[in-house]
Amino acid sequence: MTPSRRAFDRPLVTISGDIKNRITPMSELFVRYKIVDPSIILSADITLVNAKGYVWHKSSMTNGVIPQSGIDTEARW
C-alpha cells in the first residue's frame, strides 16, 4: 500500500529550516554522477482531481447509454 501524502507531511514539519541548503548540493551531486536526468521534468502523485460535469454511472457506461450531454465518455474511475 502506498503511503498517503499526510504520512509525509507530518514528519516534514519537524525538519530543520536549512533543509533547502542541504537538498541543493545533494541534487547537484545526483546530476553530476548521472543518478538523475535534469532534462526530465515529469512528476506525478496520487492527488485526486475533481471532474467537472455529470456523473456517468458504471451501469450506463457498460450499456453505452449517455444520460446527458457534457459527459466525458473517455474518462474512467
PDB file of N, CA and C in Angstrom:
ATOM      1  N   MET A   1       0.849  -1.181   0.000  1.00  0.00           N
ATOM      2  CA  MET A   1       0.000   0.000   0.000  1.00  0.00           C
ATOM      3  C   MET A   1       0.895   1.245   0.000  1.00  0.00           C
ATOM      4  N   THR A   2       0.553   2.204  -0.820  1.00  0.00           N
ATOM      5  CA  THR A   2       1.318   3.441  -0.923  1.00  0.00           C
ATOM      6  C   THR A   2       0.964   4.370   0.231  1.00  0.00           C
ATOM      7  N   PRO A   3       1.959   4.967   0.883  1.00  0.00           N
ATOM      8  CA  PRO A   3       1.654   5.898   1.983  1.00  0.00           C
ATOM      9  C   PRO A   3       0.915   7.133   1.463  1.00  0.00           C
ATOM     10  N   SER A   4       0.075   7.681   2.287  1.00  0.00           N
ATOM     11  CA  SER A   4      -0.663   8.877   1.903  1.00  0.00           C
ATOM     12  C   SER A   4       0.230  10.112   1.995  1.00  0.00           C
ATOM     13  N   ARG A   5      -0.226  11.200   1.412  1.00  0.00           N
ATOM     14  CA  ARG A   5       0.510  12.464   1.456  1.00  0.00           C
ATOM     15  C   ARG A   5       0.704  12.913   2.902  1.00  0.00           C
ATOM     16  N   ARG A   6      -0.301  12.687   3.734  1.00  0.00           N
ATOM     17  CA  ARG A   6      -0.218  13.094   5.142  1.00  0.00           C
ATOM     18  C   ARG A   6       0.900  12.362   5.873  1.00  0.00           C
ATOM     19  N   ALA A   7       1.201  11.136   5.450  1.00  0.00           N
ATOM     20  CA  ALA A   7       2.272  10.378   6.088  1.00  0.00           C
ATOM     21  C   ALA A   7       3.615  11.081   5.899  1.00  0.00           C
ATOM     22  N   PHE A   8       3.758  11.822   4.814  1.00  0.00           N
ATOM     23  CA  PHE A   8       4.989  12.561   4.570  1.00  0.00           C
ATOM     24  C   PHE A   8       4.928  13.976   5.131  1.00  0.00           C
ATOM     25  N   ASP A   9       3.758  14.589   5.145  1.00  0.00           N
ATOM     26  CA  ASP A   9       3.618  15.971   5.609  1.00  0.00           C
ATOM     27  C   ASP A   9       3.971  16.130   7.077  1.00  0.00           C
ATOM     28  N   ARG A  10       3.526  15.234   7.902  1.00  0.00           N
ATOM     29  CA  ARG A  10       3.752  15.369   9.342  1.00  0.00           C
ATOM     30  C   ARG A  10       5.231  15.402   9.707  1.00  0.00           C
ATOM     31  N   PRO A  11       6.042  14.438   9.255  1.00  0.00           N
ATOM     32  CA  PRO A  11       7.471  14.492   9.617  1.00  0.00           C
ATOM     33  C   PRO A  11       8.199  15.697   9.025  1.00  0.00           C
ATOM     34  N   LEU A  12       7.769  16.182   7.876  1.00  0.00           N
ATOM     35  CA  LEU A  12       8.444  17.306   7.248  1.00  0.00           C
ATOM     36  C   LEU A  12       8.347  18.580   8.077  1.00  0.00           C
ATOM     37  N   VAL A  13       7.337  18.686   8.908  1.00  0.00           N
ATOM     38  CA  VAL A  13       7.180  19.862   9.761  1.00  0.00           C
ATOM     39  C   VAL A  13       8.332  19.961  10.755  1.00  0.00           C
ATOM     40  N   THR A  14       8.875  18.840  11.161  1.00  0.00           N
ATOM     41  CA  THR A  14       9.916  18.827  12.189  1.00  0.00           C
ATOM     42  C   THR A  14      11.331  18.953  11.625  1.00  0.00           C
ATOM     43  N   ILE A  15      11.491  18.919  10.318  1.00  0.00           N
ATOM     44  CA  ILE A  15      12.823  19.027   9.716  1.00  0.00           C
ATOM     45  C   ILE A  15      13.328  20.457   9.872  1.00  0.00           C
ATOM     46  N   SER A  16      14.622  20.577  10.081  1.00  0.00           N
ATOM     47  CA  SER A  16      15.202  21.895  10.324  1.00  0.00           C
ATOM     48  C   SER A  16      14.997  22.842   9.146  1.00  0.00           C
ATOM     49  N   GLY A  17      15.104  24.127   9.423  1.00  0.00           N
ATOM     50  CA  GLY A  17      14.841  25.164   8.425  1.00  0.00           C
ATOM     51  C   GLY A  17      15.868  25.244   7.310  1.00  0.00           C
ATOM     52  N   ASP A  18      17.052  24.662   7.504  1.00  0.00           N
ATOM     53  CA  ASP A  18      18.079  24.748   6.471  1.00  0.00           C
ATOM     54  C   ASP A  18      18.033  23.581   5.489  1.00  0.00           C
ATOM     55  N   ILE A  19      16.903  22.942   5.404  1.00  0.00           N
ATOM     56  CA  ILE A  19      16.786  21.766   4.536  1.00  0.00           C
ATOM     57  C   ILE A  19      17.063  22.104   3.067  1.00  0.00           C
ATOM     58  N   LYS A  20      16.653  23.290   2.625  1.00  0.00           N
ATOM     59  CA  LYS A  20      16.916  23.674   1.232  1.00  0.00           C
ATOM     60  C   LYS A  20      18.410  23.766   0.970  1.00  0.00           C
ATOM     61  N   ASN A  21      19.159  24.242   1.963  1.00  0.00           N
ATOM     62  CA  ASN A  21      20.613  24.336   1.823  1.00  0.00           C
ATOM     63  C   ASN A  21      21.273  22.961   1.768  1.00  0.00           C
ATOM     64  N   ARG A  22      20.600  21.967   2.267  1.00  0.00           N
ATOM     65  CA  ARG A  22      21.129  20.600   2.205  1.00  0.00           C
ATOM     66  C   ARG A  22      20.715  19.897   0.916  1.00  0.00           C
ATOM     67  N   ILE A  23      19.512  20.150   0.461  1.00  0.00           N
ATOM     68  CA  ILE A  23      18.981  19.468  -0.722  1.00  0.00           C
ATOM     69  C   ILE A  23      19.684  19.923  -1.995  1.00  0.00           C
ATOM     70  N   THR A  24      19.978  21.213  -2.113  1.00  0.00           N
ATOM     71  CA  THR A  24      20.591  21.742  -3.335  1.00  0.00           C
ATOM     72  C   THR A  24      21.924  21.062  -3.668  1.00  0.00           C
ATOM     73  N   PRO A  25      22.876  20.979  -2.736  1.00  0.00           N
ATOM     74  CA  PRO A  25      24.134  20.291  -3.086  1.00  0.00           C
ATOM     75  C   PRO A  25      23.926  18.809  -3.407  1.00  0.00           C
ATOM     76  N   MET A  26      22.979  18.169  -2.710  1.00  0.00           N
ATOM     77  CA  MET A  26      22.710  16.761  -2.991  1.00  0.00           C
ATOM     78  C   MET A  26      22.186  16.591  -4.408  1.00  0.00           C
ATOM     79  N   SER A  27      21.268  17.452  -4.806  1.00  0.00           N
ATOM     80  CA  SER A  27      20.712  17.330  -6.152  1.00  0.00           C
ATOM     81  C   SER A  27      21.767  17.607  -7.211  1.00  0.00           C
ATOM     82  N   GLU A  28      22.683  18.533  -6.939  1.00  0.00           N
ATOM     83  CA  GLU A  28      23.768  18.802  -7.880  1.00  0.00           C
ATOM     84  C   GLU A  28      24.689  17.582  -8.026  1.00  0.00           C
ATOM     85  N   LEU A  29      24.937  16.890  -6.926  1.00  0.00           N
ATOM     86  CA  LEU A  29      25.739  15.666  -7.000  1.00  0.00           C
ATOM     87  C   LEU A  29      25.011  14.577  -7.788  1.00  0.00           C
ATOM     88  N   PHE A  30      23.712  14.452  -7.589  1.00  0.00           N
ATOM     89  CA  PHE A  30      22.927  13.454  -8.328  1.00  0.00           C
ATOM     90  C   PHE A  30      23.018  13.694  -9.820  1.00  0.00           C
ATOM     91  N   VAL A  31      22.974  14.962 -10.223  1.00  0.00           N
ATOM     92  CA  VAL A  31      23.081  15.298 -11.646  1.00  0.00           C
ATOM     93  C   VAL A  31      24.490  15.004 -12.145  1.00  0.00           C
ATOM     94  N   ARG A  32      25.493  15.396 -11.380  1.00  0.00           N
ATOM     95  CA  ARG A  32      26.879  15.205 -11.798  1.00  0.00           C
ATOM     96  C   ARG A  32      27.213  13.728 -12.011  1.00  0.00           C
ATOM     97  N   TYR A  33      26.729  12.875 -11.120  1.00  0.00           N
ATOM     98  CA  TYR A  33      27.009  11.436 -11.224  1.00  0.00           C
ATOM     99  C   TYR A  33      25.941  10.685 -12.022  1.00  0.00           C
ATOM    100  N   LYS A  34      25.096  11.447 -12.712  1.00  0.00           N
ATOM    101  CA  LYS A  34      24.068  10.896 -13.607  1.00  0.00           C
ATOM    102  C   LYS A  34      23.121   9.918 -12.912  1.00  0.00           C
ATOM    103  N   ILE A  35      22.818  10.215 -11.657  1.00  0.00           N
ATOM    104  CA  ILE A  35      21.821   9.441 -10.929  1.00  0.00           C
ATOM    105  C   ILE A  35      20.427   9.899 -11.354  1.00  0.00           C
ATOM    106  N   VAL A  36      20.321  11.190 -11.643  1.00  0.00           N
ATOM    107  CA  VAL A  36      19.066  11.750 -12.153  1.00  0.00           C
ATOM    108  C   VAL A  36      19.359  12.506 -13.438  1.00  0.00           C
ATOM    109  N   ASP A  37      18.323  12.675 -14.238  1.00  0.00           N
ATOM    110  CA  ASP A  37      18.440  13.403 -15.504  1.00  0.00           C
ATOM    111  C   ASP A  37      17.613  14.682 -15.384  1.00  0.00           C
ATOM    112  N   PRO A  38      18.260  15.855 -15.306  1.00  0.00           N
ATOM    113  CA  PRO A  38      17.513  17.099 -15.103  1.00  0.00           C
ATOM    114  C   PRO A  38      16.643  17.491 -16.306  1.00  0.00           C
ATOM    115  N   SER A  39      16.842  16.835 -17.450  1.00  0.00           N
ATOM    116  CA  SER A  39      16.013  17.179 -18.614  1.00  0.00           C
ATOM    117  C   SER A  39      14.620  16.576 -18.501  1.00  0.00           C
ATOM    118  N   ILE A  40      14.450  15.642 -17.586  1.00  0.00           N
ATOM    119  CA  ILE A  40      13.132  15.034 -17.385  1.00  0.00           C
ATOM    120  C   ILE A  40      12.399  15.857 -16.334  1.00  0.00           C
ATOM    121  N   ILE A  41      11.333  16.493 -16.749  1.00  0.00           N
ATOM    122  CA  ILE A  41      10.604  17.379 -15.833  1.00  0.00           C
ATOM    123  C   ILE A  41       9.183  16.860 -15.628  1.00  0.00           C
ATOM    124  N   LEU A  42       9.085  15.621 -15.242  1.00  0.00           N
ATOM    125  CA  LEU A  42       7.795  14.995 -15.036  1.00  0.00           C
ATOM    126  C   LEU A  42       7.709  14.519 -13.604  1.00  0.00           C
ATOM    127  N   SER A  43       6.586  14.769 -13.008  1.00  0.00           N
ATOM    128  CA  SER A  43       6.333  14.215 -11.688  1.00  0.00           C
ATOM    129  C   SER A  43       4.866  13.842 -11.612  1.00  0.00           C
ATOM    130  N   ALA A  44       4.583  12.954 -10.726  1.00  0.00           N
ATOM    131  CA  ALA A  44       3.196  12.511 -10.567  1.00  0.00           C
ATOM    132  C   ALA A  44       2.947  12.220  -9.100  1.00  0.00           C
ATOM    133  N   ASP A  45       1.720  12.378  -8.724  1.00  0.00           N
ATOM    134  CA  ASP A  45       1.327  11.990  -7.384  1.00  0.00           C
ATOM    135  C   ASP A  45      -0.064  11.383  -7.464  1.00  0.00           C
ATOM    136  N   ILE A  46      -0.623  11.091  -6.338  1.00  0.00           N
ATOM    137  CA  ILE A  46      -1.926  10.438  -6.329  1.00  0.00           C
ATOM    138  C   ILE A  46      -3.043  11.398  -5.926  1.00  0.00           C
ATOM    139  N   THR A  47      -2.815  12.688  -6.128  1.00  0.00           N
ATOM    140  CA  THR A  47      -3.833  13.674  -5.785  1.00  0.00           C
ATOM    141  C   THR A  47      -5.056  13.477  -6.654  1.00  0.00           C
ATOM    142  N   LEU A  48      -6.198  13.416  -6.025  1.00  0.00           N
ATOM    143  CA  LEU A  48      -7.435  13.263  -6.774  1.00  0.00           C
ATOM    144  C   LEU A  48      -7.815  14.585  -7.421  1.00  0.00           C
ATOM    145  N   VAL A  49      -8.292  14.518  -8.637  1.00  0.00           N
ATOM    146  CA  VAL A  49      -8.724  15.694  -9.366  1.00  0.00           C
ATOM    147  C   VAL A  49     -10.221  15.577  -9.562  1.00  0.00           C
ATOM    148  N   ASN A  50     -10.964  16.580  -9.126  1.00  0.00           N
ATOM    149  CA  ASN A  50     -12.401  16.553  -9.307  1.00  0.00           C
ATOM    150  C   ASN A  50     -12.758  16.769 -10.764  1.00  0.00           C
ATOM    151  N   ALA A  51     -13.611  15.906 -11.264  1.00  0.00           N
ATOM    152  CA  ALA A  51     -14.072  16.039 -12.637  1.00  0.00           C
ATOM    153  C   ALA A  51     -15.235  17.024 -12.666  1.00  0.00           C
ATOM    154  N   LYS A  52     -15.310  17.775 -13.734  1.00  0.00           N
ATOM    155  CA  LYS A  52     -16.422  18.703 -13.902  1.00  0.00           C
ATOM    156  C   LYS A  52     -17.477  18.031 -14.758  1.00  0.00           C
ATOM    157  N   GLY A  53     -18.688  18.396 -14.529  1.00  0.00           N
ATOM    158  CA  GLY A  53     -19.767  17.833 -15.340  1.00  0.00           C
ATOM    159  C   GLY A  53     -20.537  16.777 -14.580  1.00  0.00           C
ATOM    160  N   TYR A  54     -21.263  15.984 -15.330  1.00  0.00           N
ATOM    161  CA  TYR A  54     -22.160  14.998 -14.749  1.00  0.00           C
ATOM    162  C   TYR A  54     -21.460  13.666 -14.536  1.00  0.00           C
ATOM    163  N   VAL A  55     -22.028  12.868 -13.640  1.00  0.00           N
ATOM    164  CA  VAL A  55     -21.503  11.542 -13.355  1.00  0.00           C
ATOM    165  C   VAL A  55     -22.049  10.564 -14.386  1.00  0.00           C
ATOM    166  N   TRP A  56     -21.175   9.733 -14.908  1.00  0.00           N
ATOM    167  CA  TRP A  56     -21.593   8.680 -15.831  1.00  0.00           C
ATOM    168  C   TRP A  56     -21.490   7.373 -15.065  1.00  0.00           C
ATOM    169  N   HIS A  57     -22.608   6.862 -14.617  1.00  0.00           N
ATOM    170  CA  HIS A  57     -22.637   5.675 -13.782  1.00  0.00           C
ATOM    171  C   HIS A  57     -22.160   4.449 -14.545  1.00  0.00           C
ATOM    172  N   LYS A  58     -21.565   3.526 -13.813  1.00  0.00           N
ATOM    173  CA  LYS A  58     -20.954   2.358 -14.436  1.00  0.00           C
ATOM    174  C   LYS A  58     -21.964   1.537 -15.233  1.00  0.00           C
ATOM    175  N   SER A  59     -23.184   1.401 -14.723  1.00  0.00           N
ATOM    176  CA  SER A  59     -24.187   0.620 -15.455  1.00  0.00           C
ATOM    177  C   SER A  59     -24.510   1.277 -16.795  1.00  0.00           C
ATOM    178  N   SER A  60     -24.606   2.605 -16.809  1.00  0.00           N
ATOM    179  CA  SER A  60     -24.855   3.312 -18.065  1.00  0.00           C
ATOM    180  C   SER A  60     -23.649   3.193 -18.984  1.00  0.00           C
ATOM    181  N   MET A  61     -22.453   3.254 -18.393  1.00  0.00           N
ATOM    182  CA  MET A  61     -21.230   3.141 -19.178  1.00  0.00           C
ATOM    183  C   MET A  61     -21.157   1.773 -19.858  1.00  0.00           C
ATOM    184  N   THR A  62     -21.467   0.722 -19.081  1.00  0.00           N
ATOM    185  CA  THR A  62     -21.424  -0.642 -19.611  1.00  0.00           C
ATOM    186  C   THR A  62     -22.424  -0.822 -20.746  1.00  0.00           C
ATOM    187  N   ASN A  63     -23.601  -0.218 -20.593  1.00  0.00           N
ATOM    188  CA  ASN A  63     -24.650  -0.344 -21.608  1.00  0.00           C
ATOM    189  C   ASN A  63     -24.488   0.643 -22.755  1.00  0.00           C
ATOM    190  N   GLY A  64     -23.505   1.538 -22.659  1.00  0.00           N
ATOM    191  CA  GLY A  64     -23.287   2.518 -23.722  1.00  0.00           C
ATOM    192  C   GLY A  64     -24.312   3.632 -23.735  1.00  0.00           C
ATOM    193  N   VAL A  65     -24.987   3.842 -22.614  1.00  0.00           N
ATOM    194  CA  VAL A  65     -26.018   4.878 -22.514  1.00  0.00           C
ATOM    195  C   VAL A  65     -25.383   6.155 -21.975  1.00  0.00           C
ATOM    196  N   ILE A  66     -25.538   7.253 -22.704  1.00  0.00           N
ATOM    197  CA  ILE A  66     -25.040   8.546 -22.257  1.00  0.00           C
ATOM    198  C   ILE A  66     -26.261   9.340 -21.792  1.00  0.00           C
ATOM    199  N   PRO A  67     -26.442   9.465 -20.459  1.00  0.00           N
ATOM    200  CA  PRO A  67     -27.670  10.061 -19.938  1.00  0.00           C
ATOM    201  C   PRO A  67     -27.820  11.558 -20.213  1.00  0.00           C
ATOM    202  N   GLN A  68     -26.731  12.300 -20.289  1.00  0.00           N
ATOM    203  CA  GLN A  68     -26.795  13.740 -20.529  1.00  0.00           C
ATOM    204  C   GLN A  68     -25.620  14.141 -21.392  1.00  0.00           C
ATOM    205  N   SER A  69     -25.802  15.213 -22.144  1.00  0.00           N
ATOM    206  CA  SER A  69     -24.660  15.704 -22.907  1.00  0.00           C
ATOM    207  C   SER A  69     -23.673  16.361 -21.947  1.00  0.00           C
ATOM    208  N   GLY A  70     -22.431  16.419 -22.315  1.00  0.00           N
ATOM    209  CA  GLY A  70     -21.415  17.025 -21.465  1.00  0.00           C
ATOM    210  C   GLY A  70     -20.627  16.020 -20.663  1.00  0.00           C
ATOM    211  N   ILE A  71     -20.945  14.746 -20.803  1.00  0.00           N
ATOM    212  CA  ILE A  71     -20.208  13.719 -20.069  1.00  0.00           C
ATOM    213  C   ILE A  71     -18.990  13.332 -20.885  1.00  0.00           C
ATOM    214  N   ASP A  72     -17.850  13.247 -20.209  1.00  0.00           N
ATOM    215  CA  ASP A  72     -16.620  12.830 -20.851  1.00  0.00           C
ATOM    216  C   ASP A  72     -16.651  11.318 -20.999  1.00  0.00           C
ATOM    217  N   THR A  73     -16.874  10.849 -22.196  1.00  0.00           N
ATOM    218  CA  THR A  73     -17.022   9.404 -22.417  1.00  0.00           C
ATOM    219  C   THR A  73     -15.687   8.667 -22.398  1.00  0.00           C
ATOM    220  N   GLU A  74     -14.569   9.400 -22.365  1.00  0.00           N
ATOM    221  CA  GLU A  74     -13.258   8.759 -22.292  1.00  0.00           C
ATOM    222  C   GLU A  74     -12.747   8.673 -20.862  1.00  0.00           C
ATOM    223  N   ALA A  75     -13.419   9.317 -19.923  1.00  0.00           N
ATOM    224  CA  ALA A  75     -12.991   9.300 -18.519  1.00  0.00           C
ATOM    225  C   ALA A  75     -13.340   7.963 -17.887  1.00  0.00           C
ATOM    226  N   ARG A  76     -12.490   7.517 -16.980  1.00  0.00           N
ATOM    227  CA  ARG A  76     -12.725   6.278 -16.243  1.00  0.00           C
ATOM    228  C   ARG A  76     -12.486   6.546 -14.766  1.00  0.00           C
ATOM    229  N   TRP A  77     -12.939   5.646 -13.937  1.00  0.00           N
ATOM    230  CA  TRP A  77     -12.795   5.800 -12.487  1.00  0.00           C
ATOM    231  C   TRP A  77     -11.360   5.686 -12.119  1.00  0.00           C
TER     232      TRP A  77
END
